Amino acid sequence: MLDLPETGRRMKGASAQAMKETEMRFHIENMTCGGCARSVTKAVESVDPKVRVDADPVTKTVTVESSASTHAISRALADAGYPASAA
């Protein structure tokens, strides 16, 4: 169960699981500059506004900490023109 201090209520099951953040790493071959990194960050933020994103164009990797699914993040990246593979 997840304690919610501001309300004093507890969440069970799927609702508590949906809030769990997972770290994901992707390789994006065509992320080559700071502008690309900003575009990648915006694409990921469109799925989860509370996401933590570290996009590194030098290593062409992006690390994402989010409660969104890997599929949703991958889809947003592909839709933005940055197809990603697992890193």
C-alpha atoms as a PDB file:
ATOM      1  CA  MET A   1       0.000   0.000   0.000  1.00  0.00           C
ATOM      2  CA  LEU A   2       1.061   3.577  -0.610  1.00  0.00           C
ATOM      3  CA  ASP A   3       0.630   6.210   2.096  1.00  0.00           C
ATOM      4  CA  LEU A   4      -0.585   9.582   0.907  1.00  0.00           C
ATOM      5  CA  PRO A   5       0.377  11.996   3.696  1.00  0.00           C
ATOM      6  CA  GLU A   6      -1.493  14.997   2.287  1.00  0.00           C
ATOM      7  CA  THR A   7      -4.838  13.161   2.406  1.00  0.00           C
ATOM      8  CA  GLY A   8      -4.190  10.419   4.925  1.00  0.00           C
ATOM      9  CA  ARG A   9      -5.696   7.902   2.474  1.00  0.00           C
ATOM     10  CA  ARG A  10      -4.057   4.733   1.259  1.00  0.00           C
ATOM     11  CA  MET A  11      -4.088   3.338  -2.264  1.00  0.00           C
ATOM     12  CA  LYS A  12      -4.269  -0.360  -3.098  1.00  0.00           C
ATOM     13  CA  GLY A  13      -3.450  -2.522  -6.081  1.00  0.00           C
ATOM     14  CA  ALA A  14      -3.172  -1.099  -9.583  1.00  0.00           C
ATOM     15  CA  SER A  15      -3.401   2.549  -8.493  1.00  0.00           C
ATOM     16  CA  ALA A  16      -0.355   2.236  -6.257  1.00  0.00           C
ATOM     17  CA  GLN A  17       1.510   0.259  -8.939  1.00  0.00           C
ATOM     18  CA  ALA A  18       0.771   2.898 -11.599  1.00  0.00           C
ATOM     19  CA  MET A  19       2.630   5.485  -9.545  1.00  0.00           C
ATOM     20  CA  LYS A  20       5.817   3.399  -9.269  1.00  0.00           C
ATOM     21  CA  GLU A  21       8.654   4.918 -11.261  1.00  0.00           C
ATOM     22  CA  THR A  22      10.966   2.745 -13.316  1.00  0.00           C
ATOM     23  CA  GLU A  23      14.353   3.625 -14.760  1.00  0.00           C
ATOM     24  CA  MET A  24      14.750   2.915 -18.479  1.00  0.00           C
ATOM     25  CA  ARG A  25      17.724   3.421 -20.798  1.00  0.00           C
ATOM     26  CA  PHE A  26      17.478   3.880 -24.537  1.00  0.00           C
ATOM     27  CA  HIS A  27      19.995   4.235 -27.355  1.00  0.00           C
ATOM     28  CA  ILE A  28      19.009   6.823 -29.971  1.00  0.00           C
ATOM     29  CA  GLU A  29      21.358   6.694 -32.934  1.00  0.00           C
ATOM     30  CA  ASN A  30      20.200   9.956 -34.532  1.00  0.00           C
ATOM     31  CA  MET A  31      20.409  12.098 -31.356  1.00  0.00           C
ATOM     32  CA  THR A  32      23.533  14.028 -32.344  1.00  0.00           C
ATOM     33  CA  CYS A  33      23.290  17.464 -30.720  1.00  0.00           C
ATOM     34  CA  GLY A  34      21.822  19.520 -27.907  1.00  0.00           C
ATOM     35  CA  GLY A  35      18.800  20.397 -30.023  1.00  0.00           C
ATOM     36  CA  CYS A  36      18.104  16.699 -30.540  1.00  0.00           C
ATOM     37  CA  ALA A  37      18.450  16.105 -26.791  1.00  0.00           C
ATOM     38  CA  ARG A  38      15.889  18.854 -26.109  1.00  0.00           C
ATOM     39  CA  SER A  39      13.489  17.330 -28.651  1.00  0.00           C
ATOM     40  CA  VAL A  40      13.922  13.890 -27.075  1.00  0.00           C
ATOM     41  CA  THR A  41      13.273  15.363 -23.622  1.00  0.00           C
ATOM     42  CA  LYS A  42      10.098  17.107 -24.826  1.00  0.00           C
ATOM     43  CA  ALA A  43       8.855  13.902 -26.464  1.00  0.00           C
ATOM     44  CA  VAL A  44       9.286  11.960 -23.234  1.00  0.00           C
ATOM     45  CA  GLU A  45       7.701  14.765 -21.179  1.00  0.00           C
ATOM     46  CA  SER A  46       4.638  14.592 -23.450  1.00  0.00           C
ATOM     47  CA  VAL A  47       3.960  11.118 -22.037  1.00  0.00           C
ATOM     48  CA  ASP A  48       4.783  11.901 -18.385  1.00  0.00           C
ATOM     49  CA  PRO A  49       5.157  15.551 -17.331  1.00  0.00           C
ATOM     50  CA  LYS A  50       6.789  14.475 -14.035  1.00  0.00           C
ATOM     51  CA  VAL A  51       9.448  12.368 -15.741  1.00  0.00           C
ATOM     52  CA  ARG A  52      13.180  12.642 -15.042  1.00  0.00           C
ATOM     53  CA  VAL A  53      15.159  12.622 -18.299  1.00  0.00           C
ATOM     54  CA  ASP A  54      18.917  12.627 -18.932  1.00  0.00           C
ATOM     55  CA  ALA A  55      19.579  12.844 -22.675  1.00  0.00           C
ATOM     56  CA  ASP A  56      23.264  12.628 -23.656  1.00  0.00           C
ATOM     57  CA  PRO A  57      23.981  13.265 -27.352  1.00  0.00           C
ATOM     58  CA  VAL A  58      27.657  12.315 -26.929  1.00  0.00           C
ATOM     59  CA  THR A  59      26.817   8.726 -25.931  1.00  0.00           C
ATOM     60  CA  LYS A  60      23.480   8.813 -27.801  1.00  0.00           C
ATOM     61  CA  THR A  61      21.695   7.510 -24.722  1.00  0.00           C
ATOM     62  CA  VAL A  62      18.711   8.709 -22.767  1.00  0.00           C
ATOM     63  CA  THR A  63      17.920   7.627 -19.227  1.00  0.00           C
ATOM     64  CA  VAL A  64      14.293   7.999 -18.195  1.00  0.00           C
ATOM     65  CA  GLU A  65      12.765   7.630 -14.746  1.00  0.00           C
ATOM     66  CA  SER A  66       9.005   7.487 -15.175  1.00  0.00           C
ATOM     67  CA  SER A  67       5.798   5.758 -14.190  1.00  0.00           C
ATOM     68  CA  ALA A  68       4.913   5.469 -17.911  1.00  0.00           C
ATOM     69  CA  SER A  69       5.506   2.189 -19.733  1.00  0.00           C
ATOM     70  CA  THR A  70       8.594   1.505 -21.806  1.00  0.00           C
ATOM     71  CA  HIS A  71       6.316   1.056 -24.807  1.00  0.00           C
ATOM     72  CA  ALA A  72       4.700   4.495 -24.311  1.00  0.00           C
ATOM     73  CA  ILE A  73       8.111   6.190 -24.038  1.00  0.00           C
ATOM     74  CA  SER A  74       9.478   4.322 -27.094  1.00  0.00           C
ATOM     75  CA  ARG A  75       6.390   5.235 -29.106  1.00  0.00           C
ATOM     76  CA  ALA A  76       6.672   8.939 -28.202  1.00  0.00           C
ATOM     77  CA  LEU A  77      10.354   8.941 -29.197  1.00  0.00           C
ATOM     78  CA  ALA A  78       9.611   7.242 -32.532  1.00  0.00           C
ATOM     79  CA  ASP A  79       6.717   9.622 -33.221  1.00  0.00           C
ATOM     80  CA  ALA A  80       9.105  12.552 -32.623  1.00  0.00           C
ATOM     81  CA  GLY A  81      11.568  11.122 -35.173  1.00  0.00           C
ATOM     82  CA  TYR A  82      13.933   9.511 -32.684  1.00  0.00           C
ATOM     83  CA  PRO A  83      13.479   5.731 -32.852  1.00  0.00           C
ATOM     84  CA  ALA A  84      15.051   4.137 -29.793  1.00  0.00           C
ATOM     85  CA  SER A  85      16.440   0.738 -28.905  1.00  0.00           C
ATOM     86  CA  ALA A  86      17.167  -0.652 -25.445  1.00  0.00           C
ATOM     87  CA  ALA A  87      20.555   0.460 -24.149  1.00  0.00           C
END
